[in-house]
Amino acid sequence: MNIEEHYYSIKELVEKGLGSKATLHRMIKNGRLKKVKFGRSTRIAESEIARYLREQSPTAQ
């Protein structure tokens, strides 16, 4: 965990159009996204989102 890195809430990612709340929770449950817990708050690191998007890119294959 990098303290200087930005961490997004599920709500913020939904607002950015990364998917619905249910989709993001399913991606976390299936291990496609790694979460970090800050107390009761679930956050996703910016680097984790970038990694996931790179893997989903058609040019990555």
N, C-alpha and C. Protein backbone atom coordinates (compact mmCIF):
# COMPACT_ATOMS: atom_id res chain seq x y z
N MET A 1 0.85 -1.18 0.00
CA MET A 1 0.00 0.00 0.00
C MET A 1 0.90 1.24 0.00
N ASN A 2 0.69 2.07 -0.98
CA ASN A 2 1.45 3.31 -1.13
C ASN A 2 0.62 4.46 -0.57
N ILE A 3 1.10 5.12 0.47
CA ILE A 3 0.34 6.18 1.13
C ILE A 3 0.10 7.36 0.20
N GLU A 4 1.04 7.64 -0.71
CA GLU A 4 0.91 8.78 -1.61
C GLU A 4 -0.01 8.51 -2.80
N GLU A 5 -0.39 7.28 -3.00
CA GLU A 5 -1.25 6.91 -4.11
C GLU A 5 -2.70 7.30 -3.82
N HIS A 6 -3.46 7.58 -4.88
CA HIS A 6 -4.87 7.92 -4.71
C HIS A 6 -5.69 6.63 -4.64
N TYR A 7 -6.63 6.59 -3.73
CA TYR A 7 -7.52 5.45 -3.57
C TYR A 7 -8.95 5.90 -3.82
N TYR A 8 -9.67 5.17 -4.67
CA TYR A 8 -11.04 5.52 -5.05
C TYR A 8 -12.04 4.65 -4.31
N SER A 9 -13.15 5.26 -3.93
CA SER A 9 -14.25 4.49 -3.35
C SER A 9 -15.03 3.84 -4.49
N ILE A 10 -15.86 2.89 -4.16
CA ILE A 10 -16.71 2.24 -5.16
C ILE A 10 -17.61 3.30 -5.82
N LYS A 11 -18.15 4.19 -5.01
CA LYS A 11 -19.03 5.25 -5.53
C LYS A 11 -18.29 6.12 -6.55
N GLU A 12 -17.05 6.48 -6.26
CA GLU A 12 -16.28 7.30 -7.19
C GLU A 12 -16.04 6.57 -8.51
N LEU A 13 -15.78 5.27 -8.44
CA LEU A 13 -15.54 4.49 -9.65
C LEU A 13 -16.81 4.34 -10.48
N VAL A 14 -17.96 4.22 -9.81
CA VAL A 14 -19.24 4.17 -10.52
C VAL A 14 -19.46 5.50 -11.24
N GLU A 15 -19.18 6.60 -10.57
CA GLU A 15 -19.34 7.93 -11.17
C GLU A 15 -18.40 8.13 -12.35
N LYS A 16 -17.21 7.49 -12.31
CA LYS A 16 -16.26 7.60 -13.42
C LYS A 16 -16.63 6.68 -14.58
N GLY A 17 -17.65 5.82 -14.38
CA GLY A 17 -18.12 4.96 -15.45
C GLY A 17 -17.38 3.65 -15.58
N LEU A 18 -16.70 3.21 -14.51
CA LEU A 18 -15.98 1.94 -14.57
C LEU A 18 -16.91 0.74 -14.47
N GLY A 19 -18.13 0.95 -14.06
CA GLY A 19 -19.10 -0.13 -13.93
C GLY A 19 -20.09 0.21 -12.84
N SER A 20 -21.05 -0.67 -12.68
CA SER A 20 -22.04 -0.47 -11.62
C SER A 20 -21.46 -0.92 -10.28
N LYS A 21 -22.15 -0.58 -9.22
CA LYS A 21 -21.72 -0.98 -7.88
C LYS A 21 -21.63 -2.51 -7.79
N ALA A 22 -22.63 -3.18 -8.33
CA ALA A 22 -22.65 -4.65 -8.30
C ALA A 22 -21.49 -5.23 -9.11
N THR A 23 -21.21 -4.65 -10.27
CA THR A 23 -20.12 -5.13 -11.12
C THR A 23 -18.78 -4.99 -10.42
N LEU A 24 -18.55 -3.84 -9.80
CA LEU A 24 -17.29 -3.62 -9.11
C LEU A 24 -17.13 -4.57 -7.92
N HIS A 25 -18.19 -4.79 -7.17
CA HIS A 25 -18.12 -5.74 -6.05
C HIS A 25 -17.86 -7.15 -6.56
N ARG A 26 -18.44 -7.52 -7.69
CA ARG A 26 -18.22 -8.84 -8.28
C ARG A 26 -16.75 -8.97 -8.74
N MET A 27 -16.20 -7.91 -9.33
CA MET A 27 -14.81 -7.94 -9.76
C MET A 27 -13.86 -8.11 -8.58
N ILE A 28 -14.19 -7.48 -7.46
CA ILE A 28 -13.39 -7.63 -6.24
C ILE A 28 -13.51 -9.06 -5.72
N LYS A 29 -14.73 -9.56 -5.67
CA LYS A 29 -14.98 -10.92 -5.15
C LYS A 29 -14.27 -11.98 -6.00
N ASN A 30 -14.26 -11.77 -7.33
CA ASN A 30 -13.62 -12.72 -8.23
C ASN A 30 -12.11 -12.55 -8.33
N GLY A 31 -11.56 -11.54 -7.65
CA GLY A 31 -10.13 -11.33 -7.63
C GLY A 31 -9.59 -10.54 -8.81
N ARG A 32 -10.47 -9.97 -9.62
CA ARG A 32 -10.02 -9.18 -10.77
C ARG A 32 -9.56 -7.79 -10.34
N LEU A 33 -10.06 -7.30 -9.21
CA LEU A 33 -9.62 -6.04 -8.61
C LEU A 33 -9.28 -6.31 -7.15
N LYS A 34 -8.20 -5.70 -6.68
CA LYS A 34 -7.82 -5.85 -5.27
C LYS A 34 -8.30 -4.63 -4.50
N LYS A 35 -8.88 -4.88 -3.36
CA LYS A 35 -9.39 -3.79 -2.52
C LYS A 35 -8.46 -3.55 -1.34
N VAL A 36 -8.61 -2.36 -0.79
CA VAL A 36 -7.92 -1.98 0.45
C VAL A 36 -9.00 -1.46 1.37
N LYS A 37 -8.98 -1.88 2.62
CA LYS A 37 -9.97 -1.43 3.60
C LYS A 37 -9.35 -0.35 4.47
N PHE A 38 -10.06 0.78 4.56
CA PHE A 38 -9.72 1.86 5.50
C PHE A 38 -10.89 1.93 6.47
N GLY A 39 -10.76 1.26 7.60
CA GLY A 39 -11.89 1.17 8.53
C GLY A 39 -13.01 0.39 7.86
N ARG A 40 -14.18 1.01 7.74
CA ARG A 40 -15.31 0.35 7.08
C ARG A 40 -15.38 0.67 5.59
N SER A 41 -14.48 1.52 5.13
CA SER A 41 -14.50 1.97 3.75
C SER A 41 -13.64 1.08 2.85
N THR A 42 -14.21 0.66 1.72
CA THR A 42 -13.48 -0.13 0.73
C THR A 42 -12.96 0.81 -0.34
N ARG A 43 -11.67 0.72 -0.63
CA ARG A 43 -11.05 1.58 -1.63
C ARG A 43 -10.26 0.74 -2.62
N ILE A 44 -10.11 1.28 -3.83
CA ILE A 44 -9.33 0.63 -4.88
C ILE A 44 -8.20 1.60 -5.26
N ALA A 45 -6.98 1.11 -5.26
CA ALA A 45 -5.83 1.94 -5.60
C ALA A 45 -5.84 2.31 -7.08
N GLU A 46 -5.38 3.51 -7.37
CA GLU A 46 -5.30 3.99 -8.74
C GLU A 46 -4.43 3.05 -9.59
N SER A 47 -3.35 2.54 -9.03
CA SER A 47 -2.48 1.61 -9.77
C SER A 47 -3.20 0.30 -10.07
N GLU A 48 -4.08 -0.12 -9.19
CA GLU A 48 -4.85 -1.35 -9.40
C GLU A 48 -5.84 -1.17 -10.56
N ILE A 49 -6.45 0.01 -10.63
CA ILE A 49 -7.37 0.31 -11.73
C ILE A 49 -6.60 0.34 -13.04
N ALA A 50 -5.43 0.97 -13.05
CA ALA A 50 -4.60 1.04 -14.26
C ALA A 50 -4.19 -0.35 -14.71
N ARG A 51 -3.80 -1.22 -13.76
CA ARG A 51 -3.42 -2.59 -14.09
C ARG A 51 -4.58 -3.33 -14.74
N TYR A 52 -5.76 -3.22 -14.14
CA TYR A 52 -6.94 -3.90 -14.67
C TYR A 52 -7.25 -3.41 -16.09
N LEU A 53 -7.21 -2.10 -16.30
CA LEU A 53 -7.52 -1.54 -17.61
C LEU A 53 -6.49 -1.97 -18.66
N ARG A 54 -5.22 -2.04 -18.27
CA ARG A 54 -4.18 -2.52 -19.19
C ARG A 54 -4.45 -3.95 -19.61
N GLU A 55 -4.85 -4.80 -18.66
CA GLU A 55 -5.14 -6.20 -18.96
C GLU A 55 -6.35 -6.35 -19.87
N GLN A 56 -7.29 -5.42 -19.79
CA GLN A 56 -8.51 -5.48 -20.59
C GLN A 56 -8.32 -4.88 -21.98
N SER A 57 -7.22 -4.16 -22.18
CA SER A 57 -6.96 -3.50 -23.45
C SER A 57 -6.68 -4.54 -24.53
N PRO A 58 -7.29 -4.39 -25.73
CA PRO A 58 -7.05 -5.35 -26.81
C PRO A 58 -5.59 -5.35 -27.27
N THR A 59 -4.86 -4.27 -27.08
CA THR A 59 -3.46 -4.21 -27.49
C THR A 59 -2.55 -4.91 -26.51
N ALA A 60 -3.04 -5.24 -25.32
CA ALA A 60 -2.23 -5.89 -24.30
C ALA A 60 -1.97 -7.35 -24.63
N GLN A 61 -2.70 -7.91 -25.54
CA GLN A 61 -2.55 -9.34 -25.84
C GLN A 61 -1.55 -9.61 -26.89
